[in-house]
């Protein structure tokens, strides 16, 4: 299992954007909701599960798109399953540590 991952550093914040390989480059629309697995946001670095989870443990902010990565976020306890949205069945979740 691999994920497209991009790291953003802004002052003391570390944001990790991670997207399942299966939804990368795709767009999902349902009503007014739109999810895009865009290269410009999720980057073009394909990373292992181990490397991705290591970054998520350090992240103060996370943006996750896809069944696998959202599932991993739930297992890690950084994502509350009640706060996951789905567009065309594709899950998306965000996390902020305070």
N, C-alpha and C. Protein backbone atom coordinates (compact mmCIF):
# COMPACT_ATOMS: atom_id res chain seq x y z
N UNK A 1 0.84 -1.16 0.00
CA UNK A 1 0.00 0.00 0.00
C UNK A 1 0.90 1.24 0.00
N UNK A 2 0.65 2.14 -0.94
CA UNK A 2 1.41 3.39 -1.04
C UNK A 2 0.45 4.57 -1.18
N UNK A 3 0.98 5.74 -0.80
CA UNK A 3 0.18 6.96 -0.82
C UNK A 3 0.96 8.10 -1.45
N UNK A 4 0.25 8.98 -2.13
CA UNK A 4 0.86 10.22 -2.59
C UNK A 4 0.83 11.18 -1.41
N UNK A 5 1.97 11.76 -1.10
CA UNK A 5 2.11 12.58 0.10
C UNK A 5 2.86 13.87 -0.22
N UNK A 6 2.35 14.96 0.35
CA UNK A 6 3.03 16.24 0.27
C UNK A 6 3.03 16.85 1.66
N UNK A 7 4.18 17.40 2.04
CA UNK A 7 4.33 18.01 3.36
C UNK A 7 4.43 19.52 3.19
N UNK A 8 3.66 20.21 3.99
CA UNK A 8 3.67 21.68 4.00
C UNK A 8 4.13 22.13 5.38
N UNK A 9 5.11 23.02 5.42
CA UNK A 9 5.58 23.57 6.68
C UNK A 9 5.29 25.07 6.68
N UNK A 10 4.51 25.50 7.67
CA UNK A 10 4.16 26.91 7.82
C UNK A 10 4.39 27.27 9.28
N UNK A 11 5.39 28.07 9.53
CA UNK A 11 5.79 28.44 10.89
C UNK A 11 5.98 27.17 11.71
N UNK A 12 5.23 27.00 12.78
CA UNK A 12 5.42 25.81 13.62
C UNK A 12 4.49 24.66 13.24
N UNK A 13 3.72 24.83 12.19
CA UNK A 13 2.76 23.80 11.77
C UNK A 13 3.36 22.89 10.70
N UNK A 14 3.01 21.61 10.79
CA UNK A 14 3.41 20.62 9.78
C UNK A 14 2.14 19.98 9.26
N UNK A 15 1.77 20.32 8.02
CA UNK A 15 0.58 19.73 7.42
C UNK A 15 1.01 18.63 6.46
N UNK A 16 0.33 17.48 6.60
CA UNK A 16 0.57 16.34 5.73
C UNK A 16 -0.70 16.09 4.92
N UNK A 17 -0.56 16.15 3.61
CA UNK A 17 -1.66 15.82 2.70
C UNK A 17 -1.35 14.44 2.12
N UNK A 18 -2.23 13.48 2.31
CA UNK A 18 -1.99 12.12 1.85
C UNK A 18 -3.22 11.59 1.12
N UNK A 19 -2.97 10.92 0.01
CA UNK A 19 -4.03 10.47 -0.88
C UNK A 19 -3.73 9.03 -1.33
N UNK A 20 -4.74 8.18 -1.29
CA UNK A 20 -4.59 6.82 -1.81
C UNK A 20 -4.18 6.84 -3.27
N UNK A 21 -3.37 5.90 -3.64
CA UNK A 21 -2.92 5.77 -5.03
C UNK A 21 -4.12 5.63 -5.98
N UNK A 22 -5.18 4.94 -5.52
CA UNK A 22 -6.35 4.67 -6.37
C UNK A 22 -7.18 5.90 -6.71
N UNK A 23 -7.14 6.94 -5.85
CA UNK A 23 -7.96 8.12 -6.10
C UNK A 23 -7.14 9.31 -6.59
N UNK A 24 -5.83 9.13 -6.64
CA UNK A 24 -4.93 10.20 -7.09
C UNK A 24 -5.27 10.60 -8.53
N UNK A 25 -5.40 11.88 -8.75
CA UNK A 25 -5.68 12.39 -10.09
C UNK A 25 -7.14 12.35 -10.48
N UNK A 26 -7.99 11.88 -9.59
CA UNK A 26 -9.41 11.76 -9.91
C UNK A 26 -10.22 12.83 -9.19
N UNK A 27 -11.42 13.07 -9.71
CA UNK A 27 -12.33 14.07 -9.14
C UNK A 27 -13.66 13.40 -8.87
N UNK A 28 -14.22 13.68 -7.69
CA UNK A 28 -15.50 13.10 -7.30
C UNK A 28 -16.44 14.24 -6.92
N UNK A 29 -17.63 14.24 -7.51
CA UNK A 29 -18.61 15.29 -7.24
C UNK A 29 -19.94 14.68 -6.84
N UNK A 30 -20.55 15.30 -5.83
CA UNK A 30 -21.86 14.87 -5.37
C UNK A 30 -22.55 16.10 -4.81
N UNK A 31 -23.55 16.58 -5.51
CA UNK A 31 -24.20 17.82 -5.11
C UNK A 31 -23.19 18.96 -5.15
N UNK A 32 -23.07 19.68 -4.04
CA UNK A 32 -22.13 20.79 -3.98
C UNK A 32 -20.74 20.37 -3.50
N UNK A 33 -20.60 19.10 -3.09
CA UNK A 33 -19.31 18.62 -2.59
C UNK A 33 -18.43 18.12 -3.73
N UNK A 34 -17.16 18.53 -3.69
CA UNK A 34 -16.19 18.11 -4.70
C UNK A 34 -14.91 17.70 -4.00
N UNK A 35 -14.41 16.51 -4.32
CA UNK A 35 -13.11 16.05 -3.83
C UNK A 35 -12.20 15.84 -5.03
N UNK A 36 -10.99 16.37 -4.93
CA UNK A 36 -10.04 16.22 -6.03
C UNK A 36 -8.72 15.68 -5.48
N UNK A 37 -8.24 14.62 -6.06
CA UNK A 37 -6.93 14.07 -5.70
C UNK A 37 -5.86 14.69 -6.59
N UNK A 38 -5.74 15.99 -6.54
CA UNK A 38 -4.87 16.73 -7.47
C UNK A 38 -3.40 16.68 -7.10
N UNK A 39 -2.58 16.56 -8.13
CA UNK A 39 -1.13 16.55 -7.97
C UNK A 39 -0.63 17.83 -7.30
N UNK A 40 -1.22 18.96 -7.64
CA UNK A 40 -0.73 20.23 -7.09
C UNK A 40 -0.94 20.30 -5.57
N UNK A 41 -1.89 19.54 -5.04
CA UNK A 41 -2.11 19.54 -3.59
C UNK A 41 -1.44 18.34 -2.91
N UNK A 42 -1.62 17.15 -3.47
CA UNK A 42 -1.08 15.93 -2.85
C UNK A 42 0.34 15.61 -3.32
N UNK A 43 0.86 16.40 -4.24
CA UNK A 43 2.24 16.21 -4.69
C UNK A 43 2.41 15.03 -5.61
N UNK A 44 3.66 14.68 -5.85
CA UNK A 44 3.94 13.54 -6.73
C UNK A 44 4.91 12.55 -6.10
N UNK A 45 5.04 12.62 -4.77
CA UNK A 45 5.89 11.67 -4.05
C UNK A 45 5.04 10.49 -3.61
N UNK A 46 5.33 9.32 -4.17
CA UNK A 46 4.64 8.09 -3.79
C UNK A 46 5.42 7.48 -2.63
N UNK A 47 4.76 7.35 -1.47
CA UNK A 47 5.46 6.96 -0.26
C UNK A 47 4.87 5.66 0.31
N UNK A 48 5.70 4.91 0.99
CA UNK A 48 5.26 3.68 1.63
C UNK A 48 4.30 3.98 2.77
N UNK A 49 3.57 2.97 3.20
CA UNK A 49 2.66 3.11 4.33
C UNK A 49 3.46 3.52 5.57
N UNK A 50 4.57 2.86 5.82
CA UNK A 50 5.39 3.14 7.00
C UNK A 50 5.85 4.60 7.03
N UNK A 51 6.35 5.10 5.90
CA UNK A 51 6.81 6.48 5.83
C UNK A 51 5.68 7.47 5.99
N UNK A 52 4.54 7.16 5.40
CA UNK A 52 3.37 8.05 5.50
C UNK A 52 2.88 8.13 6.94
N UNK A 53 2.79 7.00 7.61
CA UNK A 53 2.31 6.99 8.99
C UNK A 53 3.29 7.71 9.92
N UNK A 54 4.57 7.59 9.63
CA UNK A 54 5.57 8.31 10.42
C UNK A 54 5.34 9.82 10.32
N UNK A 55 5.07 10.31 9.10
CA UNK A 55 4.79 11.74 8.92
C UNK A 55 3.49 12.14 9.62
N UNK A 56 2.47 11.30 9.54
CA UNK A 56 1.19 11.63 10.18
C UNK A 56 1.32 11.72 11.70
N UNK A 57 2.21 10.91 12.29
CA UNK A 57 2.42 11.00 13.73
C UNK A 57 3.02 12.35 14.12
N UNK A 58 3.76 12.97 13.22
CA UNK A 58 4.40 14.26 13.48
C UNK A 58 3.50 15.44 13.10
N UNK A 59 2.50 15.20 12.28
CA UNK A 59 1.68 16.27 11.72
C UNK A 59 0.86 17.00 12.78
N UNK A 60 0.73 18.30 12.58
CA UNK A 60 -0.21 19.08 13.40
C UNK A 60 -1.53 19.26 12.65
N UNK A 61 -1.46 19.10 11.33
CA UNK A 61 -2.64 19.20 10.47
C UNK A 61 -2.52 18.08 9.43
N UNK A 62 -3.63 17.42 9.12
CA UNK A 62 -3.61 16.39 8.08
C UNK A 62 -4.85 16.52 7.21
N UNK A 63 -4.67 16.19 5.95
CA UNK A 63 -5.74 16.17 4.97
C UNK A 63 -5.63 14.81 4.28
N UNK A 64 -6.62 13.95 4.45
CA UNK A 64 -6.54 12.57 3.98
C UNK A 64 -7.67 12.27 2.99
N UNK A 65 -7.32 11.59 1.91
CA UNK A 65 -8.31 11.27 0.87
C UNK A 65 -8.15 9.82 0.44
N UNK A 66 -9.21 9.03 0.61
CA UNK A 66 -9.20 7.65 0.16
C UNK A 66 -9.45 6.66 1.29
N UNK A 67 -9.96 5.49 0.94
CA UNK A 67 -10.31 4.46 1.93
C UNK A 67 -9.14 4.04 2.80
N UNK A 68 -8.00 3.77 2.19
CA UNK A 68 -6.88 3.23 2.95
C UNK A 68 -6.29 4.24 3.91
N UNK A 69 -5.99 5.44 3.44
CA UNK A 69 -5.34 6.42 4.31
C UNK A 69 -6.29 6.93 5.40
N UNK A 70 -7.55 7.11 5.09
CA UNK A 70 -8.51 7.51 6.13
C UNK A 70 -8.64 6.39 7.15
N UNK A 71 -8.67 5.15 6.70
CA UNK A 71 -8.72 4.00 7.61
C UNK A 71 -7.51 3.96 8.53
N UNK A 72 -6.35 4.26 7.98
CA UNK A 72 -5.13 4.29 8.80
C UNK A 72 -5.20 5.42 9.83
N UNK A 73 -5.74 6.56 9.43
CA UNK A 73 -5.91 7.67 10.36
C UNK A 73 -6.84 7.31 11.51
N UNK A 74 -7.89 6.57 11.20
CA UNK A 74 -8.82 6.11 12.23
C UNK A 74 -8.11 5.14 13.18
N UNK A 75 -7.37 4.18 12.63
CA UNK A 75 -6.63 3.22 13.46
C UNK A 75 -5.64 3.92 14.37
N UNK A 76 -4.99 4.97 13.86
CA UNK A 76 -4.01 5.72 14.65
C UNK A 76 -4.66 6.57 15.74
N UNK A 77 -5.95 6.81 15.60
CA UNK A 77 -6.67 7.63 16.57
C UNK A 77 -6.60 9.12 16.29
N UNK A 78 -6.15 9.49 15.09
CA UNK A 78 -6.09 10.92 14.75
C UNK A 78 -7.33 11.37 13.99
N UNK A 79 -8.14 10.41 13.54
CA UNK A 79 -9.38 10.72 12.82
C UNK A 79 -10.54 10.07 13.56
N UNK A 80 -11.56 10.85 13.84
CA UNK A 80 -12.79 10.34 14.43
C UNK A 80 -13.69 9.90 13.27
N UNK A 81 -14.08 8.63 13.23
CA UNK A 81 -14.90 8.15 12.10
C UNK A 81 -16.18 8.94 11.90
N UNK A 82 -16.68 9.58 12.96
CA UNK A 82 -17.91 10.37 12.83
C UNK A 82 -17.69 11.66 12.03
N UNK A 83 -16.43 12.03 11.83
CA UNK A 83 -16.11 13.27 11.12
C UNK A 83 -15.62 13.04 9.70
N UNK A 84 -15.78 11.84 9.19
CA UNK A 84 -15.38 11.51 7.83
C UNK A 84 -16.53 11.83 6.89
N UNK A 85 -16.23 12.57 5.83
CA UNK A 85 -17.26 12.80 4.80
C UNK A 85 -16.98 11.87 3.64
N UNK A 86 -18.01 11.57 2.88
CA UNK A 86 -17.86 10.72 1.70
C UNK A 86 -18.51 11.41 0.51
N UNK A 87 -17.81 11.38 -0.58
CA UNK A 87 -18.32 11.90 -1.84
C UNK A 87 -18.18 10.77 -2.86
N UNK A 88 -19.30 10.34 -3.40
CA UNK A 88 -19.32 9.19 -4.32
C UNK A 88 -18.65 7.98 -3.68
N UNK A 89 -18.81 7.85 -2.36
CA UNK A 89 -18.25 6.71 -1.62
C UNK A 89 -16.79 6.85 -1.22
N UNK A 90 -16.14 7.93 -1.64
CA UNK A 90 -14.72 8.15 -1.32
C UNK A 90 -14.62 8.98 -0.04
N UNK A 91 -13.94 8.43 0.98
CA UNK A 91 -13.83 9.17 2.24
C UNK A 91 -12.76 10.26 2.23
N UNK A 92 -13.06 11.33 2.97
CA UNK A 92 -12.13 12.45 3.15
C UNK A 92 -12.20 12.86 4.61
N UNK A 93 -11.04 13.14 5.19
CA UNK A 93 -11.00 13.58 6.58
C UNK A 93 -9.86 14.57 6.79
N UNK A 94 -10.07 15.44 7.75
CA UNK A 94 -9.05 16.40 8.13
C UNK A 94 -8.83 16.31 9.63
N UNK A 95 -7.62 16.65 10.05
CA UNK A 95 -7.26 16.60 11.45
C UNK A 95 -6.43 17.83 11.79
N UNK A 96 -6.69 18.38 12.98
CA UNK A 96 -5.87 19.48 13.51
C UNK A 96 -5.58 19.15 14.97
N UNK A 97 -4.31 19.13 15.33
CA UNK A 97 -3.92 18.93 16.73
C UNK A 97 -3.75 20.28 17.39
N UNK A 98 -4.32 20.41 18.57
CA UNK A 98 -4.22 21.67 19.30
C UNK A 98 -3.54 21.44 20.63
